[in-house]
Protein backbone atom coordinates (compact mmCIF):
# COMPACT_ATOMS: atom_id res chain seq x y z
CA UNK A 1 0.00 0.00 0.00
CA UNK A 2 1.35 3.25 -1.07
CA UNK A 3 1.24 6.57 0.66
CA UNK A 4 -1.69 7.93 -1.32
CA UNK A 5 -3.93 5.03 -0.50
CA UNK A 6 -3.05 5.25 3.20
CA UNK A 7 -3.96 8.92 3.23
CA UNK A 8 -7.29 8.47 1.51
CA UNK A 9 -8.22 5.69 3.83
CA UNK A 10 -7.43 7.77 6.83
CA UNK A 11 -9.57 10.59 5.61
CA UNK A 12 -12.46 8.30 4.73
CA UNK A 13 -12.33 6.55 8.11
CA UNK A 14 -12.80 9.94 10.06
CA UNK A 15 -16.00 11.56 8.87
CA UNK A 16 -16.20 13.80 11.93
CA UNK A 17 -12.84 15.04 11.34
CA UNK A 18 -13.75 15.62 7.75
CA UNK A 19 -16.81 17.54 8.82
CA UNK A 20 -14.82 19.49 11.33
CA UNK A 21 -12.33 20.24 8.74
CA UNK A 22 -14.97 21.73 6.55
CA UNK A 23 -16.23 23.80 9.38
CA UNK A 24 -12.76 25.04 10.14
CA UNK A 25 -12.28 26.01 6.58
CA UNK A 26 -15.49 27.97 6.65
CA UNK A 27 -14.39 29.74 9.79
CA UNK A 28 -11.12 30.53 8.13
CA UNK A 29 -12.99 32.10 5.23
CA UNK A 30 -15.15 34.28 7.65
CA UNK A 31 -13.14 37.06 9.32
CA UNK A 32 -14.37 38.36 12.62
CA UNK A 33 -13.44 41.96 13.42
CA UNK A 34 -13.29 43.28 17.03
CA UNK A 35 -13.83 47.02 17.08
CA UNK A 36 -12.26 47.31 20.54
CA UNK A 37 -9.11 45.58 19.52
CA UNK A 38 -6.38 48.08 18.58
CA UNK A 39 -4.90 48.20 15.18
CA UNK A 40 -1.81 46.14 14.83
CA UNK A 41 0.33 49.19 13.96
CA UNK A 42 -1.18 51.19 16.76
CA UNK A 43 -0.62 48.35 19.17
CA UNK A 44 2.93 48.13 18.16
CA UNK A 45 3.42 51.93 18.57
CA UNK A 46 1.59 52.02 21.92
CA UNK A 47 3.51 49.09 23.18
CA UNK A 48 6.81 50.83 22.18
CA UNK A 49 5.94 54.06 24.03
CA UNK A 50 4.79 52.10 27.08
CA UNK A 51 7.94 50.10 27.09
CA UNK A 52 10.00 53.30 26.63
CA UNK A 53 8.28 54.98 29.57
CA UNK A 54 8.87 51.89 31.70
CA UNK A 55 12.62 52.26 31.33
CA UNK A 56 14.35 53.51 34.57
CA UNK A 57 16.33 56.43 33.12
CA UNK A 58 13.18 58.07 31.67
CA UNK A 59 12.09 59.31 35.10
CA UNK A 60 15.29 61.28 35.46
CA UNK A 61 14.93 62.71 31.91
CA UNK A 62 11.36 63.82 32.59
CA UNK A 63 12.29 65.42 35.89
CA UNK A 64 15.13 67.27 34.15
CA UNK A 65 12.76 68.56 31.48
CA UNK A 66 10.31 69.74 34.14
CA UNK A 67 13.03 71.50 36.11
CA UNK A 68 14.28 73.16 32.93
CA UNK A 69 10.81 74.43 32.12
CA UNK A 70 10.40 75.79 35.66
CA UNK A 71 13.75 77.60 35.43
CA UNK A 72 12.74 79.15 32.09
CA UNK A 73 9.45 80.32 33.57
CA UNK A 74 11.21 81.84 36.60
CA UNK A 75 13.77 83.62 34.41
CA UNK A 76 11.00 85.06 32.30
CA UNK A 77 9.14 86.26 35.41
CA UNK A 78 12.30 87.97 36.72
CA UNK A 79 13.75 89.39 33.51
CA UNK A 80 10.58 90.79 32.02
CA UNK A 81 9.66 93.10 34.96
CA UNK A 82 13.29 94.27 35.27
CA UNK A 83 13.42 95.09 31.59
CA UNK A 84 10.12 96.91 31.93
CA UNK A 85 11.45 98.80 34.99
CA UNK A 86 14.64 99.59 33.10
CA UNK A 87 12.71 100.96 30.19
CA UNK A 88 10.51 102.93 32.60
CA UNK A 89 13.58 104.25 34.48
CA UNK A 90 15.19 105.21 31.19
CA UNK A 91 12.04 106.96 30.16
CA UNK A 92 11.81 108.76 33.54
CA UNK A 93 15.50 109.75 33.27
CA UNK A 94 14.96 111.15 29.79
CA UNK A 95 11.90 113.02 31.00
CA UNK A 96 13.75 114.38 34.04
CA UNK A 97 16.70 115.40 31.84
CA UNK A 98 14.30 117.14 29.46
CA UNK A 99 12.70 118.99 32.39
CA UNK A 100 16.13 119.91 33.78
CA UNK A 101 17.33 121.13 30.38
CA UNK A 102 14.17 123.18 29.99
CA UNK A 103 14.55 124.68 33.44
CA UNK A 104 18.20 125.53 32.75
CA UNK A 105 17.25 127.15 29.49
CA UNK A 106 14.64 129.28 31.30
CA UNK A 107 17.20 130.29 33.96
CA UNK A 108 19.72 131.24 31.28
CA UNK A 109 17.07 133.32 29.54
CA UNK A 110 16.26 135.11 32.83
CA UNK A 111 19.98 135.72 33.45
CA UNK A 112 20.34 137.13 29.96
CA UNK A 113 17.33 139.36 30.57
CA UNK A 114 18.76 140.51 33.92
CA UNK A 115 22.14 141.14 32.29
CA UNK A 116 20.49 143.22 29.62
CA UNK A 117 18.80 145.19 32.37
CA UNK A 118 22.07 145.61 34.27
CA UNK A 119 23.78 146.80 31.12
CA UNK A 120 21.53 149.83 31.31
CA UNK A 121 22.26 150.30 35.02
CA UNK A 122 24.95 152.51 36.53
CA UNK A 123 27.87 150.10 36.96
CA UNK A 124 30.90 152.24 36.10
CA UNK A 125 34.34 151.30 37.48
CA UNK A 126 36.79 153.95 38.55
CA UNK A 127 39.36 154.24 35.70
CA UNK A 128 42.84 153.07 36.63
CA UNK A 129 44.40 156.31 35.42
CA UNK A 130 42.15 158.44 37.62
CA UNK A 131 42.77 156.14 40.60
CA UNK A 132 46.53 156.41 40.12
CA UNK A 133 46.23 160.18 39.84
CA UNK A 134 44.19 160.28 43.06
CA UNK A 135 46.76 158.14 44.87
CA UNK A 136 49.60 160.37 43.68
CA UNK A 137 47.78 163.52 44.82
CA UNK A 138 47.02 162.01 48.22
CA UNK A 139 50.64 160.89 48.62
CA UNK A 140 51.90 164.40 47.75
CA UNK A 141 49.47 165.93 50.22
CA UNK A 142 50.65 163.52 52.92
CA UNK A 143 54.28 164.46 52.23
CA UNK A 144 53.44 168.14 52.38
CA UNK A 145 51.74 167.59 55.73
CA UNK A 146 54.90 165.94 57.03
CA UNK A 147 57.12 168.77 55.76
CA UNK A 148 54.84 171.56 57.00
CA UNK A 149 53.90 170.94 60.62
CA UNK A 150 50.57 172.63 61.32
CA UNK A 151 50.06 174.55 64.52
CA UNK A 152 48.57 172.39 67.25
CA UNK A 153 46.67 175.25 68.84
CA UNK A 154 43.99 175.25 66.14
CA UNK A 155 40.77 173.57 67.11
CA UNK A 156 40.13 170.43 65.05
CA UNK A 157 37.37 170.77 62.55
CA UNK A 158 35.42 168.01 60.78
CA UNK A 159 36.74 167.42 57.29
CA UNK A 160 33.24 167.27 55.88
CA UNK A 161 31.57 169.85 58.10
CA UNK A 162 31.21 172.33 55.22
CA UNK A 163 29.45 169.89 52.96
CA UNK A 164 25.83 170.44 52.03
CA UNK A 165 23.28 167.68 52.52
CA UNK A 166 21.26 166.66 49.48
CA UNK A 167 18.12 165.18 51.05
CA UNK A 168 16.77 162.30 48.97
CA UNK A 169 13.10 161.39 49.05
CA UNK A 170 11.98 157.97 47.88
CA UNK A 171 9.61 158.47 44.93
CA UNK A 172 9.46 155.90 42.17
CA UNK A 173 12.54 153.73 42.27
CA UNK A 174 11.42 151.85 39.17
CA UNK A 175 11.86 154.83 36.85
CA UNK A 176 15.58 154.16 36.54
CA UNK A 177 17.64 151.25 37.84
CA UNK A 178 20.17 151.98 40.61
CA UNK A 179 19.43 155.64 41.13
CA UNK A 180 20.64 157.33 44.33
CA UNK A 181 17.08 156.94 45.64
CA UNK A 182 17.17 153.21 45.06
CA UNK A 183 20.65 152.81 46.58
CA UNK A 184 19.83 154.77 49.74
CA UNK A 185 16.59 152.91 50.19
CA UNK A 186 18.43 149.61 49.70
CA UNK A 187 21.24 150.40 52.18
CA UNK A 188 19.30 152.08 54.95
CA UNK A 189 17.92 148.92 56.71
CA UNK A 190 21.39 147.30 56.85
CA UNK A 191 22.98 150.41 58.39
CA UNK A 192 20.05 150.76 60.82
CA UNK A 193 20.56 147.14 62.02
CA UNK A 194 24.39 147.59 61.96
CA UNK A 195 24.84 144.46 59.81
CA UNK A 196 28.48 145.14 59.07
CA UNK A 197 29.10 142.16 56.75
CA UNK A 198 26.21 143.28 54.56
CA UNK A 199 27.42 146.90 54.69
CA UNK A 200 30.85 145.77 53.53
CA UNK A 201 29.32 143.87 50.61
CA UNK A 202 27.07 146.78 49.59
CA UNK A 203 29.86 149.37 49.77
CA UNK A 204 31.99 147.33 47.35
CA UNK A 205 29.23 147.10 44.72
CA UNK A 206 29.97 149.17 41.62
CA UNK A 207 26.81 151.22 41.96
CA UNK A 208 27.83 152.38 45.47
CA UNK A 209 31.38 153.18 44.40
CA UNK A 210 30.06 155.20 41.47
CA UNK A 211 27.54 157.11 43.61
CA UNK A 212 30.30 158.09 46.05
CA UNK A 213 32.57 159.02 43.18
CA UNK A 214 29.94 161.43 41.84
CA UNK A 215 30.35 163.49 45.03
CA UNK A 216 34.08 164.09 44.55
CA UNK A 217 34.82 167.80 45.06
CA UNK A 218 31.11 168.76 45.10
CA UNK A 219 31.00 169.78 48.77
CA UNK A 220 27.81 167.72 49.17
CA UNK A 221 26.61 164.39 50.54
CA UNK A 222 23.50 162.34 49.89
CA UNK A 223 21.17 161.91 52.84
CA UNK A 224 18.01 159.98 53.60
CA UNK A 225 16.25 160.17 56.92
CA UNK A 226 14.59 162.59 59.32
CA UNK A 227 14.82 166.36 58.66
CA UNK A 228 13.91 169.53 60.51
CA UNK A 229 11.68 172.32 59.29
CA UNK A 230 14.46 173.76 57.15
CA UNK A 231 15.12 170.41 55.43
CA UNK A 232 18.34 169.70 57.30
CA UNK A 233 19.20 166.23 58.67
CA UNK A 234 17.64 166.02 62.11
CA UNK A 235 16.85 162.81 63.99
CA UNK A 236 18.14 159.59 62.44
CA UNK A 237 19.40 159.05 58.93
CA UNK A 238 22.00 157.76 56.49
CA UNK A 239 24.59 159.85 54.65
CA UNK A 240 26.83 158.86 51.74
CA UNK A 241 30.02 160.92 51.27
CA UNK A 242 32.82 160.96 48.75
CA UNK A 243 35.70 158.46 48.95
CA UNK A 244 33.41 155.57 49.95
CA UNK A 245 32.48 157.02 53.34
CA UNK A 246 29.17 156.58 55.19
CA UNK A 247 27.50 157.70 58.40
CA UNK A 248 24.36 156.38 60.03
CA UNK A 249 23.05 157.67 63.32
CA UNK A 250 21.67 160.71 65.06
CA UNK A 251 21.70 164.25 63.66
CA UNK A 252 20.95 167.69 65.02
CA UNK A 253 20.05 170.42 62.54
CA UNK A 254 22.45 169.31 59.84
CA UNK A 255 25.37 167.99 61.95
CA UNK A 256 26.14 164.59 63.39
CA UNK A 257 25.21 164.64 67.04
CA UNK A 258 24.31 161.84 69.43
CA UNK A 259 25.19 158.21 68.74
CA UNK A 260 26.31 157.05 65.33
CA UNK A 261 28.59 154.86 63.21
CA UNK A 262 31.03 156.10 60.57
CA UNK A 263 32.63 153.89 57.90
CA UNK A 264 35.31 154.35 55.25
CA UNK A 265 36.27 151.64 52.77
CA UNK A 266 39.65 151.65 51.00
CA UNK A 267 38.48 150.33 47.65
CA UNK A 268 41.37 150.15 45.22
CA UNK A 269 43.34 152.62 47.30
CA UNK A 270 47.01 151.74 47.93
CA UNK A 271 48.97 154.80 48.91
CA UNK A 272 50.85 156.24 51.82
CA UNK A 273 47.69 157.36 53.55
CA UNK A 274 46.44 153.78 53.45
CA UNK A 275 49.81 152.31 54.60
CA UNK A 276 50.33 150.70 51.19
CA UNK A 277 47.16 148.62 51.29
CA UNK A 278 47.48 147.31 54.84
CA UNK A 279 44.14 148.80 55.83
CA UNK A 280 40.94 147.63 54.12
CA UNK A 281 38.41 149.71 56.09
CA UNK A 282 38.25 152.26 58.91
CA UNK A 283 35.32 152.94 61.25
CA UNK A 284 34.22 154.70 64.42
CA UNK A 285 31.25 153.89 66.64
CA UNK A 286 30.21 155.97 69.61
CA UNK A 287 29.25 159.45 70.70
CA UNK A 288 29.20 162.50 68.40
CA UNK A 289 28.86 166.23 68.86
CA UNK A 290 29.55 169.17 66.54
CA UNK A 291 29.92 166.72 63.61
CA UNK A 292 32.91 164.93 65.24
CA UNK A 293 33.50 162.05 67.67
CA UNK A 294 32.98 163.46 71.13
CA UNK A 295 32.65 161.26 74.19
CA UNK A 296 33.18 157.53 74.60
CA UNK A 297 33.79 155.54 71.44
CA UNK A 298 35.80 152.93 69.57
CA UNK A 299 37.92 153.22 66.44
CA UNK A 300 38.51 150.12 64.33
CA UNK A 301 40.63 149.15 61.32
CA UNK A 302 40.13 146.10 59.12
CA UNK A 303 43.73 144.96 58.51
CA UNK A 304 45.08 142.77 55.73
CA UNK A 305 47.83 140.96 57.65
CA UNK A 306 49.21 139.46 54.43
CA UNK A 307 50.47 142.98 53.60
CA UNK A 308 52.45 143.26 56.86
CA UNK A 309 56.18 142.72 56.86
CA UNK A 310 57.78 140.12 59.12
CA UNK A 311 58.14 141.11 62.80
CA UNK A 312 55.82 144.12 62.42
CA UNK A 313 52.53 144.99 64.11
CA UNK A 314 49.83 147.52 63.38
CA UNK A 315 47.02 149.10 65.45
CA UNK A 316 43.60 147.56 64.93
CA UNK A 317 41.37 149.03 67.69
CA UNK A 318 41.52 152.12 69.87
CA UNK A 319 38.93 152.55 72.64
CA UNK A 320 38.49 155.46 75.04
CA UNK A 321 37.41 159.07 75.21
CA UNK A 322 37.44 161.38 72.18
CA UNK A 323 37.37 165.17 72.04
CA UNK A 324 36.68 166.68 68.63
CA UNK A 325 37.92 163.48 67.02
CA UNK A 326 41.18 163.38 69.07
CA UNK A 327 42.30 160.84 71.65
CA UNK A 328 41.78 162.43 75.06
CA UNK A 329 42.34 160.55 78.32
CA UNK A 330 43.23 156.97 79.14
CA UNK A 331 43.18 154.94 75.95
CA UNK A 332 43.18 151.20 75.32
CA UNK A 333 44.40 149.64 72.05
CA UNK A 334 45.17 146.29 70.53
CA UNK A 335 47.46 145.46 67.68
CA UNK A 336 47.83 142.58 65.22
CA UNK A 337 51.06 141.29 63.66
CA UNK A 338 51.92 139.58 60.38
CA UNK A 339 50.88 136.13 61.66
CA UNK A 340 47.68 137.28 63.41
CA UNK A 341 48.92 137.55 67.01
CA UNK A 342 46.97 140.14 69.00
CA UNK A 343 48.57 142.27 71.82
CA UNK A 344 47.01 144.82 74.19
CA UNK A 345 48.37 148.30 74.91
CA UNK A 346 47.79 151.28 77.21
CA UNK A 347 48.17 154.95 76.30
CA UNK A 348 47.50 158.34 77.84
CA UNK A 349 46.59 161.31 75.65
CA UNK A 350 45.60 164.92 76.14
CA UNK A 351 43.71 166.24 73.11
CA UNK A 352 45.78 164.30 70.64
CA UNK A 353 49.20 164.52 72.36
CA UNK A 354 50.53 161.33 74.00
CA UNK A 355 52.23 161.22 77.38
CA UNK A 356 55.50 159.35 76.81
CA UNK A 357 56.32 156.11 78.63
CA UNK A 358 60.04 156.70 78.18
CA UNK A 359 62.23 159.50 76.85
CA UNK A 360 63.64 158.66 73.44
CA UNK A 361 63.85 162.20 72.14
CA UNK A 362 67.57 161.74 71.50
CA UNK A 363 66.78 159.50 68.57
CA UNK A 364 63.62 161.41 67.61
CA UNK A 365 61.07 158.81 68.70
CA UNK A 366 58.21 158.76 71.19
CA UNK A 367 57.06 155.69 73.15
CA UNK A 368 53.30 156.23 73.08
CA UNK A 369 51.83 152.75 73.69
CA UNK A 370 52.92 150.46 76.52
CA UNK A 371 52.31 146.69 76.42
CA UNK A 372 49.84 145.65 79.11
CA UNK A 373 51.59 142.32 79.74
CA UNK A 374 55.18 143.57 79.46
CA UNK A 375 55.71 147.18 80.57
CA UNK A 376 59.23 147.20 79.10
CA UNK A 377 57.77 146.79 75.63
CA UNK A 378 56.52 149.94 73.89
CA UNK A 379 55.32 151.03 70.48
CA UNK A 380 56.97 154.16 69.17
CA UNK A 381 56.09 156.88 66.69
CA UNK A 382 58.17 159.64 65.19
CA UNK A 383 58.50 162.64 67.49
CA UNK A 384 57.03 164.94 64.89
CA UNK A 385 53.83 162.87 64.76
CA UNK A 386 52.95 163.28 68.44
CA UNK A 387 50.16 165.74 67.78
CA UNK A 388 46.56 165.58 66.55
CA UNK A 389 46.49 161.86 67.31
CA UNK A 390 43.00 160.65 66.69
CA UNK A 391 40.66 159.79 63.82
CA UNK A 392 42.66 161.84 61.34
CA UNK A 393 40.46 161.04 58.34
CA UNK A 394 37.61 162.87 60.04
CA UNK A 395 39.73 165.94 60.69
CA UNK A 396 40.87 168.78 58.46
């Protein structure tokens, strides 16, 4: 029996199996589809992702990604406001700069306007040639006074007693800038309150120097204050004289009488009278009568110690009794030297003539001031100068 016969017999002997085989073939021909079953490709892809996520190192990778995202978010939250603030600050700075520039431009315009106004004001400086001429004349006059000794028996007379007061009334100070009316009205409160720093500053302004210069040789002075029935200074008031001199205080029918302060400023003056620039200002405060210091008072010099030679000293204050502008009685003084040291001195005078502390006539000198701490130390003057000692600039 061959193989074919054996096979056929086997198939014929198993009808159930044959029937089952037919059924199986039919089932193979009918395809059953399950809608819930994933597609083969999708299953393969899903299974790959699942397997990938199941790997141990993926947790670390995911955490790193999350941390990176958080850092980026934080950086954005920090940087964006700062950039906005920076832009805002830059904008504010530009705005502030613009406001500042505008304000500066307005200030410059106002300064230019004020300068234009001042250019029309009286701000004339004393010409150097005229100043030199004045210094030369005063030096020559001083030398003549030394050569020709005046008689001491003549009664001292105020150097400006024959000057005529020009009473100034305040009208409309806006008509013209820096008129004498404006200047007197400006200065009067400072003199009344004796604010000496402010008085110094005012006296050195060009308008004040010019106003005083206008009075040179006129025999007049400008006055503002109380007057009597004849229009003469009477009561309290301020006077401006030539050569940068001022007086504020009490008056009686045209003459200084009562209590008052006198000032003289050496502005640009460097001659023998001014000790070659050593003095900057000269003043007297105290009692007055007959237009001169009479009674108790104090004389004062503002001294520029930088102009003093080594080992020299100069009088700065003299306090005591005055008669017609002369030292009269027991006098007290202090001096200052080239480094600023101050010393105190005693003197005794009788109407401008000092009593000597020691006889030095053999060498032509007079010891007129004695040191209060060391009686052996004296200050001397030339013998010919021991007369009319007092406030010489107020005397003829």
